[in-house]
Amino acid sequence: MKKDTKRIIAREGLILLCAILLSAVIIFALVATELAVGGEQIGQKIFTFAVILLLLAYPIYLLTRFIVWAIRTLRDQ
C-alpha cells in the first residue's frame, strides 16, 4: 500500500472516530441524566451499562490500536 494511501486512511479514520466519540459522549450524557432523574431502577441500568461495556471491550481495543497506527503513520513523513 502506498504511503499516501495510508495517510489518507489514517486521517479520515481519525476524523470519523472523533465524530463517533462526540456522539457517544452526547448519548452517555443523556443516559447519565436519565439515571440521575429516574433512580428507581438504577441497579438494572448500571448492570445493562456494564454488559454493554463488556461487549464493546474488544472493539474499543481495536480502535485504540487503529489510533496508535494512524498517529504513527501520520508522523512518518
PDB file of N, CA and C in Angstrom:
ATOM      1  N   MET A   1       0.845  -1.168   0.000  1.00  0.00           N
ATOM      2  CA  MET A   1       0.000   0.000   0.000  1.00  0.00           C
ATOM      3  C   MET A   1       0.892   1.233   0.000  1.00  0.00           C
ATOM      4  N   LYS A   2       0.524   2.201  -0.799  1.00  0.00           N
ATOM      5  CA  LYS A   2       1.331   3.412  -0.897  1.00  0.00           C
ATOM      6  C   LYS A   2       1.245   4.227   0.387  1.00  0.00           C
ATOM      7  N   LYS A   3       2.290   5.000   0.608  1.00  0.00           N
ATOM      8  CA  LYS A   3       2.361   5.821   1.813  1.00  0.00           C
ATOM      9  C   LYS A   3       1.247   6.869   1.844  1.00  0.00           C
ATOM     10  N   ASP A   4       0.935   7.455   0.690  1.00  0.00           N
ATOM     11  CA  ASP A   4      -0.132   8.463   0.634  1.00  0.00           C
ATOM     12  C   ASP A   4      -1.489   7.851   0.966  1.00  0.00           C
ATOM     13  N   THR A   5      -1.717   6.628   0.501  1.00  0.00           N
ATOM     14  CA  THR A   5      -2.981   5.954   0.795  1.00  0.00           C
ATOM     15  C   THR A   5      -3.119   5.694   2.286  1.00  0.00           C
ATOM     16  N   LYS A   6      -2.042   5.258   2.909  1.00  0.00           N
ATOM     17  CA  LYS A   6      -2.070   5.025   4.355  1.00  0.00           C
ATOM     18  C   LYS A   6      -2.369   6.314   5.111  1.00  0.00           C
ATOM     19  N   ARG A   7      -1.776   7.399   4.666  1.00  0.00           N
ATOM     20  CA  ARG A   7      -2.008   8.684   5.341  1.00  0.00           C
ATOM     21  C   ARG A   7      -3.457   9.126   5.204  1.00  0.00           C
ATOM     22  N   ILE A   8      -4.044   8.915   4.035  1.00  0.00           N
ATOM     23  CA  ILE A   8      -5.448   9.288   3.832  1.00  0.00           C
ATOM     24  C   ILE A   8      -6.351   8.435   4.719  1.00  0.00           C
ATOM     25  N   ILE A   9      -6.095   7.132   4.762  1.00  0.00           N
ATOM     26  CA  ILE A   9      -6.889   6.244   5.611  1.00  0.00           C
ATOM     27  C   ILE A   9      -6.760   6.653   7.068  1.00  0.00           C
ATOM     28  N   ALA A  10      -5.555   6.945   7.503  1.00  0.00           N
ATOM     29  CA  ALA A  10      -5.333   7.335   8.897  1.00  0.00           C
ATOM     30  C   ALA A  10      -6.055   8.634   9.227  1.00  0.00           C
ATOM     31  N   ARG A  11      -5.929   9.626   8.372  1.00  0.00           N
ATOM     32  CA  ARG A  11      -6.554  10.923   8.636  1.00  0.00           C
ATOM     33  C   ARG A  11      -8.077  10.819   8.655  1.00  0.00           C
ATOM     34  N   GLU A  12      -8.648  10.183   7.650  1.00  0.00           N
ATOM     35  CA  GLU A  12     -10.106  10.063   7.570  1.00  0.00           C
ATOM     36  C   GLU A  12     -10.646   9.183   8.694  1.00  0.00           C
ATOM     37  N   GLY A  13      -9.896   8.161   9.067  1.00  0.00           N
ATOM     38  CA  GLY A  13     -10.321   7.307  10.178  1.00  0.00           C
ATOM     39  C   GLY A  13     -10.353   8.064  11.491  1.00  0.00           C
ATOM     40  N   LEU A  14      -9.365   8.907  11.715  1.00  0.00           N
ATOM     41  CA  LEU A  14      -9.352   9.701  12.948  1.00  0.00           C
ATOM     42  C   LEU A  14     -10.488  10.721  12.964  1.00  0.00           C
ATOM     43  N   ILE A  15     -10.812  11.300  11.825  1.00  0.00           N
ATOM     44  CA  ILE A  15     -11.940  12.233  11.757  1.00  0.00           C
ATOM     45  C   ILE A  15     -13.243  11.498  12.063  1.00  0.00           C
ATOM     46  N   LEU A  16     -13.422  10.317  11.471  1.00  0.00           N
ATOM     47  CA  LEU A  16     -14.619   9.521  11.732  1.00  0.00           C
ATOM     48  C   LEU A  16     -14.696   9.115  13.195  1.00  0.00           C
ATOM     49  N   LEU A  17     -13.572   8.741  13.762  1.00  0.00           N
ATOM     50  CA  LEU A  17     -13.535   8.347  15.167  1.00  0.00           C
ATOM     51  C   LEU A  17     -13.915   9.506  16.077  1.00  0.00           C
ATOM     52  N   CYS A  18     -13.462  10.696  15.772  1.00  0.00           N
ATOM     53  CA  CYS A  18     -13.838  11.872  16.574  1.00  0.00           C
ATOM     54  C   CYS A  18     -15.340  12.120  16.506  1.00  0.00           C
ATOM     55  N   ALA A  19     -15.937  11.956  15.339  1.00  0.00           N
ATOM     56  CA  ALA A  19     -17.385  12.138  15.205  1.00  0.00           C
ATOM     57  C   ALA A  19     -18.143  11.087  16.007  1.00  0.00           C
ATOM     58  N   ILE A  20     -17.671   9.853  15.975  1.00  0.00           N
ATOM     59  CA  ILE A  20     -18.317   8.783  16.738  1.00  0.00           C
ATOM     60  C   ILE A  20     -18.171   9.033  18.233  1.00  0.00           C
ATOM     61  N   LEU A  21     -16.991   9.456  18.671  1.00  0.00           N
ATOM     62  CA  LEU A  21     -16.784   9.730  20.095  1.00  0.00           C
ATOM     63  C   LEU A  21     -17.649  10.886  20.581  1.00  0.00           C
ATOM     64  N   LEU A  22     -17.817  11.904  19.766  1.00  0.00           N
ATOM     65  CA  LEU A  22     -18.684  13.016  20.134  1.00  0.00           C
ATOM     66  C   LEU A  22     -20.125  12.540  20.295  1.00  0.00           C
ATOM     67  N   SER A  23     -20.578  11.692  19.387  1.00  0.00           N
ATOM     68  CA  SER A  23     -21.924  11.130  19.501  1.00  0.00           C
ATOM     69  C   SER A  23     -22.061  10.288  20.765  1.00  0.00           C
ATOM     70  N   ALA A  24     -21.035   9.491  21.069  1.00  0.00           N
ATOM     71  CA  ALA A  24     -21.079   8.654  22.267  1.00  0.00           C
ATOM     72  C   ALA A  24     -21.127   9.501  23.530  1.00  0.00           C
ATOM     73  N   VAL A  25     -20.383  10.589  23.565  1.00  0.00           N
ATOM     74  CA  VAL A  25     -20.400  11.473  24.734  1.00  0.00           C
ATOM     75  C   VAL A  25     -21.788  12.064  24.934  1.00  0.00           C
ATOM     76  N   ILE A  26     -22.427  12.458  23.854  1.00  0.00           N
ATOM     77  CA  ILE A  26     -23.780  13.013  23.960  1.00  0.00           C
ATOM     78  C   ILE A  26     -24.752  11.951  24.462  1.00  0.00           C
ATOM     79  N   ILE A  27     -24.657  10.735  23.931  1.00  0.00           N
ATOM     80  CA  ILE A  27     -25.550   9.656  24.369  1.00  0.00           C
ATOM     81  C   ILE A  27     -25.310   9.328  25.836  1.00  0.00           C
ATOM     82  N   PHE A  28     -24.044   9.235  26.253  1.00  0.00           N
ATOM     83  CA  PHE A  28     -23.754   8.936  27.655  1.00  0.00           C
ATOM     84  C   PHE A  28     -24.233  10.046  28.572  1.00  0.00           C
ATOM     85  N   ALA A  29     -24.173  11.287  28.120  1.00  0.00           N
ATOM     86  CA  ALA A  29     -24.687  12.392  28.930  1.00  0.00           C
ATOM     87  C   ALA A  29     -26.192  12.266  29.104  1.00  0.00           C
ATOM     88  N   LEU A  30     -26.891  11.879  28.044  1.00  0.00           N
ATOM     89  CA  LEU A  30     -28.336  11.684  28.148  1.00  0.00           C
ATOM     90  C   LEU A  30     -28.675  10.524  29.077  1.00  0.00           C
ATOM     91  N   VAL A  31     -27.906   9.440  28.999  1.00  0.00           N
ATOM     92  CA  VAL A  31     -28.139   8.289  29.879  1.00  0.00           C
ATOM     93  C   VAL A  31     -27.856   8.668  31.326  1.00  0.00           C
ATOM     94  N   ALA A  32     -26.793   9.411  31.567  1.00  0.00           N
ATOM     95  CA  ALA A  32     -26.459   9.829  32.932  1.00  0.00           C
ATOM     96  C   ALA A  32     -27.541  10.734  33.496  1.00  0.00           C
ATOM     97  N   THR A  33     -28.107  11.593  32.669  1.00  0.00           N
ATOM     98  CA  THR A  33     -29.196  12.453  33.118  1.00  0.00           C
ATOM     99  C   THR A  33     -30.409  11.615  33.486  1.00  0.00           C
ATOM    100  N   GLU A  34     -30.690  10.591  32.687  1.00  0.00           N
ATOM    101  CA  GLU A  34     -31.818   9.712  32.984  1.00  0.00           C
ATOM    102  C   GLU A  34     -31.585   8.947  34.281  1.00  0.00           C
ATOM    103  N   LEU A  35     -30.336   8.512  34.511  1.00  0.00           N
ATOM    104  CA  LEU A  35     -30.024   7.802  35.756  1.00  0.00           C
ATOM    105  C   LEU A  35     -30.206   8.710  36.962  1.00  0.00           C
ATOM    106  N   ALA A  36     -29.841   9.969  36.818  1.00  0.00           N
ATOM    107  CA  ALA A  36     -29.953  10.897  37.936  1.00  0.00           C
ATOM    108  C   ALA A  36     -31.412  11.220  38.239  1.00  0.00           C
ATOM    109  N   VAL A  37     -32.247  11.285  37.204  1.00  0.00           N
ATOM    110  CA  VAL A  37     -33.654  11.651  37.395  1.00  0.00           C
ATOM    111  C   VAL A  37     -34.477  10.452  37.832  1.00  0.00           C
ATOM    112  N   GLY A  38     -34.361   9.337  37.133  1.00  0.00           N
ATOM    113  CA  GLY A  38     -35.179   8.162  37.449  1.00  0.00           C
ATOM    114  C   GLY A  38     -34.381   7.128  38.202  1.00  0.00           C
ATOM    115  N   GLY A  39     -34.163   7.337  39.465  1.00  0.00           N
ATOM    116  CA  GLY A  39     -33.298   6.468  40.244  1.00  0.00           C
ATOM    117  C   GLY A  39     -33.941   5.210  40.768  1.00  0.00           C
ATOM    118  N   GLU A  40     -35.182   4.901  40.356  1.00  0.00           N
ATOM    119  CA  GLU A  40     -35.869   3.732  40.880  1.00  0.00           C
ATOM    120  C   GLU A  40     -35.209   2.438  40.425  1.00  0.00           C
ATOM    121  N   GLN A  41     -34.836   2.367  39.159  1.00  0.00           N
ATOM    122  CA  GLN A  41     -34.256   1.140  38.617  1.00  0.00           C
ATOM    123  C   GLN A  41     -32.784   1.341  38.276  1.00  0.00           C
ATOM    124  N   ILE A  42     -32.085   2.025  39.134  1.00  0.00           N
ATOM    125  CA  ILE A  42     -30.696   2.380  38.832  1.00  0.00           C
ATOM    126  C   ILE A  42     -29.798   1.143  38.778  1.00  0.00           C
ATOM    127  N   GLY A  43     -30.074   0.124  39.602  1.00  0.00           N
ATOM    128  CA  GLY A  43     -29.258  -1.090  39.577  1.00  0.00           C
ATOM    129  C   GLY A  43     -29.336  -1.799  38.242  1.00  0.00           C
ATOM    130  N   GLN A  44     -30.532  -1.912  37.702  1.00  0.00           N
ATOM    131  CA  GLN A  44     -30.715  -2.558  36.403  1.00  0.00           C
ATOM    132  C   GLN A  44     -30.031  -1.764  35.297  1.00  0.00           C
ATOM    133  N   LYS A  45     -30.089  -0.459  35.361  1.00  0.00           N
ATOM    134  CA  LYS A  45     -29.462   0.368  34.332  1.00  0.00           C
ATOM    135  C   LYS A  45     -27.942   0.266  34.398  1.00  0.00           C
ATOM    136  N   ILE A  46     -27.391   0.219  35.598  1.00  0.00           N
ATOM    137  CA  ILE A  46     -25.938   0.075  35.741  1.00  0.00           C
ATOM    138  C   ILE A  46     -25.496  -1.286  35.223  1.00  0.00           C
ATOM    139  N   PHE A  47     -26.273  -2.339  35.520  1.00  0.00           N
ATOM    140  CA  PHE A  47     -25.953  -3.674  35.027  1.00  0.00           C
ATOM    141  C   PHE A  47     -25.978  -3.700  33.498  1.00  0.00           C
ATOM    142  N   THR A  48     -27.000  -3.100  32.907  1.00  0.00           N
ATOM    143  CA  THR A  48     -27.099  -3.042  31.447  1.00  0.00           C
ATOM    144  C   THR A  48     -25.910  -2.292  30.855  1.00  0.00           C
ATOM    145  N   PHE A  49     -25.531  -1.186  31.472  1.00  0.00           N
ATOM    146  CA  PHE A  49     -24.374  -0.416  31.009  1.00  0.00           C
ATOM    147  C   PHE A  49     -23.099  -1.252  31.097  1.00  0.00           C
ATOM    148  N   ALA A  50     -22.939  -2.032  32.190  1.00  0.00           N
ATOM    149  CA  ALA A  50     -21.749  -2.866  32.356  1.00  0.00           C
ATOM    150  C   ALA A  50     -21.688  -3.952  31.287  1.00  0.00           C
ATOM    151  N   VAL A  51     -22.828  -4.555  30.968  1.00  0.00           N
ATOM    152  CA  VAL A  51     -22.858  -5.591  29.931  1.00  0.00           C
ATOM    153  C   VAL A  51     -22.501  -4.991  28.573  1.00  0.00           C
ATOM    154  N   ILE A  52     -23.048  -3.834  28.277  1.00  0.00           N
ATOM    155  CA  ILE A  52     -22.728  -3.170  27.010  1.00  0.00           C
ATOM    156  C   ILE A  52     -21.239  -2.835  26.947  1.00  0.00           C
ATOM    157  N   LEU A  53     -20.681  -2.371  28.054  1.00  0.00           N
ATOM    158  CA  LEU A  53     -19.257  -2.046  28.092  1.00  0.00           C
ATOM    159  C   LEU A  53     -18.403  -3.287  27.854  1.00  0.00           C
ATOM    160  N   LEU A  54     -18.794  -4.419  28.443  1.00  0.00           N
ATOM    161  CA  LEU A  54     -18.051  -5.657  28.215  1.00  0.00           C
ATOM    162  C   LEU A  54     -18.145  -6.110  26.760  1.00  0.00           C
ATOM    163  N   LEU A  55     -19.302  -5.927  26.152  1.00  0.00           N
ATOM    164  CA  LEU A  55     -19.454  -6.307  24.751  1.00  0.00           C
ATOM    165  C   LEU A  55     -18.635  -5.410  23.831  1.00  0.00           C
ATOM    166  N   LEU A  56     -18.398  -4.186  24.246  1.00  0.00           N
ATOM    167  CA  LEU A  56     -17.648  -3.242  23.422  1.00  0.00           C
ATOM    168  C   LEU A  56     -16.152  -3.237  23.731  1.00  0.00           C
ATOM    169  N   ALA A  57     -15.701  -4.067  24.659  1.00  0.00           N
ATOM    170  CA  ALA A  57     -14.299  -4.033  25.079  1.00  0.00           C
ATOM    171  C   ALA A  57     -13.346  -4.339  23.915  1.00  0.00           C
ATOM    172  N   TYR A  58     -13.616  -5.382  23.139  1.00  0.00           N
ATOM    173  CA  TYR A  58     -12.719  -5.731  22.040  1.00  0.00           C
ATOM    174  C   TYR A  58     -12.743  -4.686  20.924  1.00  0.00           C
ATOM    175  N   PRO A  59     -13.923  -4.200  20.502  1.00  0.00           N
ATOM    176  CA  PRO A  59     -13.897  -3.109  19.511  1.00  0.00           C
ATOM    177  C   PRO A  59     -13.161  -1.869  20.012  1.00  0.00           C
ATOM    178  N   ILE A  60     -13.255  -1.575  21.299  1.00  0.00           N
ATOM    179  CA  ILE A  60     -12.513  -0.439  21.860  1.00  0.00           C
ATOM    180  C   ILE A  60     -11.013  -0.695  21.758  1.00  0.00           C
ATOM    181  N   TYR A  61     -10.601  -1.931  22.023  1.00  0.00           N
ATOM    182  CA  TYR A  61      -9.194  -2.304  21.889  1.00  0.00           C
ATOM    183  C   TYR A  61      -8.724  -2.119  20.441  1.00  0.00           C
ATOM    184  N   LEU A  62      -9.548  -2.569  19.487  1.00  0.00           N
ATOM    185  CA  LEU A  62      -9.181  -2.415  18.078  1.00  0.00           C
ATOM    186  C   LEU A  62      -9.114  -0.948  17.677  1.00  0.00           C
ATOM    187  N   LEU A  63     -10.036  -0.138  18.188  1.00  0.00           N
ATOM    188  CA  LEU A  63      -9.992   1.296  17.898  1.00  0.00           C
ATOM    189  C   LEU A  63      -8.732   1.931  18.467  1.00  0.00           C
ATOM    190  N   THR A  64      -8.325   1.500  19.643  1.00  0.00           N
ATOM    191  CA  THR A  64      -7.099   2.020  20.244  1.00  0.00           C
ATOM    192  C   THR A  64      -5.892   1.672  19.379  1.00  0.00           C
ATOM    193  N   ARG A  65      -5.845   0.433  18.895  1.00  0.00           N
ATOM    194  CA  ARG A  65      -4.746   0.038  18.016  1.00  0.00           C
ATOM    195  C   ARG A  65      -4.762   0.845  16.725  1.00  0.00           C
ATOM    196  N   PHE A  66      -5.965   1.119  16.188  1.00  0.00           N
ATOM    197  CA  PHE A  66      -6.066   1.929  14.973  1.00  0.00           C
ATOM    198  C   PHE A  66      -5.554   3.334  15.225  1.00  0.00           C
ATOM    199  N   ILE A  67      -5.897   3.906  16.368  1.00  0.00           N
ATOM    200  CA  ILE A  67      -5.446   5.263  16.689  1.00  0.00           C
ATOM    201  C   ILE A  67      -3.926   5.311  16.752  1.00  0.00           C
ATOM    202  N   VAL A  68      -3.331   4.332  17.413  1.00  0.00           N
ATOM    203  CA  VAL A  68      -1.866   4.290  17.514  1.00  0.00           C
ATOM    204  C   VAL A  68      -1.251   4.154  16.120  1.00  0.00           C
ATOM    205  N   TRP A  69      -1.794   3.264  15.298  1.00  0.00           N
ATOM    206  CA  TRP A  69      -1.284   3.096  13.936  1.00  0.00           C
ATOM    207  C   TRP A  69      -1.433   4.378  13.137  1.00  0.00           C
ATOM    208  N   ALA A  70      -2.591   5.031  13.257  1.00  0.00           N
ATOM    209  CA  ALA A  70      -2.837   6.254  12.493  1.00  0.00           C
ATOM    210  C   ALA A  70      -1.874   7.361  12.900  1.00  0.00           C
ATOM    211  N   ILE A  71      -1.638   7.502  14.186  1.00  0.00           N
ATOM    212  CA  ILE A  71      -0.717   8.542  14.653  1.00  0.00           C
ATOM    213  C   ILE A  71       0.694   8.264  14.152  1.00  0.00           C
ATOM    214  N   ARG A  72       1.118   7.011  14.226  1.00  0.00           N
ATOM    215  CA  ARG A  72       2.457   6.670  13.724  1.00  0.00           C
ATOM    216  C   ARG A  72       2.556   6.917  12.218  1.00  0.00           C
ATOM    217  N   THR A  73       1.497   6.578  11.493  1.00  0.00           N
ATOM    218  CA  THR A  73       1.504   6.777  10.046  1.00  0.00           C
ATOM    219  C   THR A  73       1.554   8.255   9.695  1.00  0.00           C
ATOM    220  N   LEU A  74       0.796   9.070  10.414  1.00  0.00           N
ATOM    221  CA  LEU A  74       0.774  10.499  10.117  1.00  0.00           C
ATOM    222  C   LEU A  74       2.058  11.199  10.552  1.00  0.00           C
ATOM    223  N   ARG A  75       2.734  10.676  11.566  1.00  0.00           N
ATOM    224  CA  ARG A  75       4.005  11.285  11.998  1.00  0.00           C
ATOM    225  C   ARG A  75       5.127  11.020  11.011  1.00  0.00           C
ATOM    226  N   ASP A  76       5.146   9.815  10.421  1.00  0.00           N
ATOM    227  CA  ASP A  76       6.192   9.467   9.451  1.00  0.00           C
ATOM    228  C   ASP A  76       5.952  10.244   8.167  1.00  0.00           C
ATOM    229  N   GLN A  77       6.922  11.056   7.818  1.00  0.00           N
ATOM    230  CA  GLN A  77       6.770  11.854   6.596  1.00  0.00           C
ATOM    231  C   GLN A  77       7.954  11.666   5.699  1.00  0.00           C
TER     232      GLN A  77
END
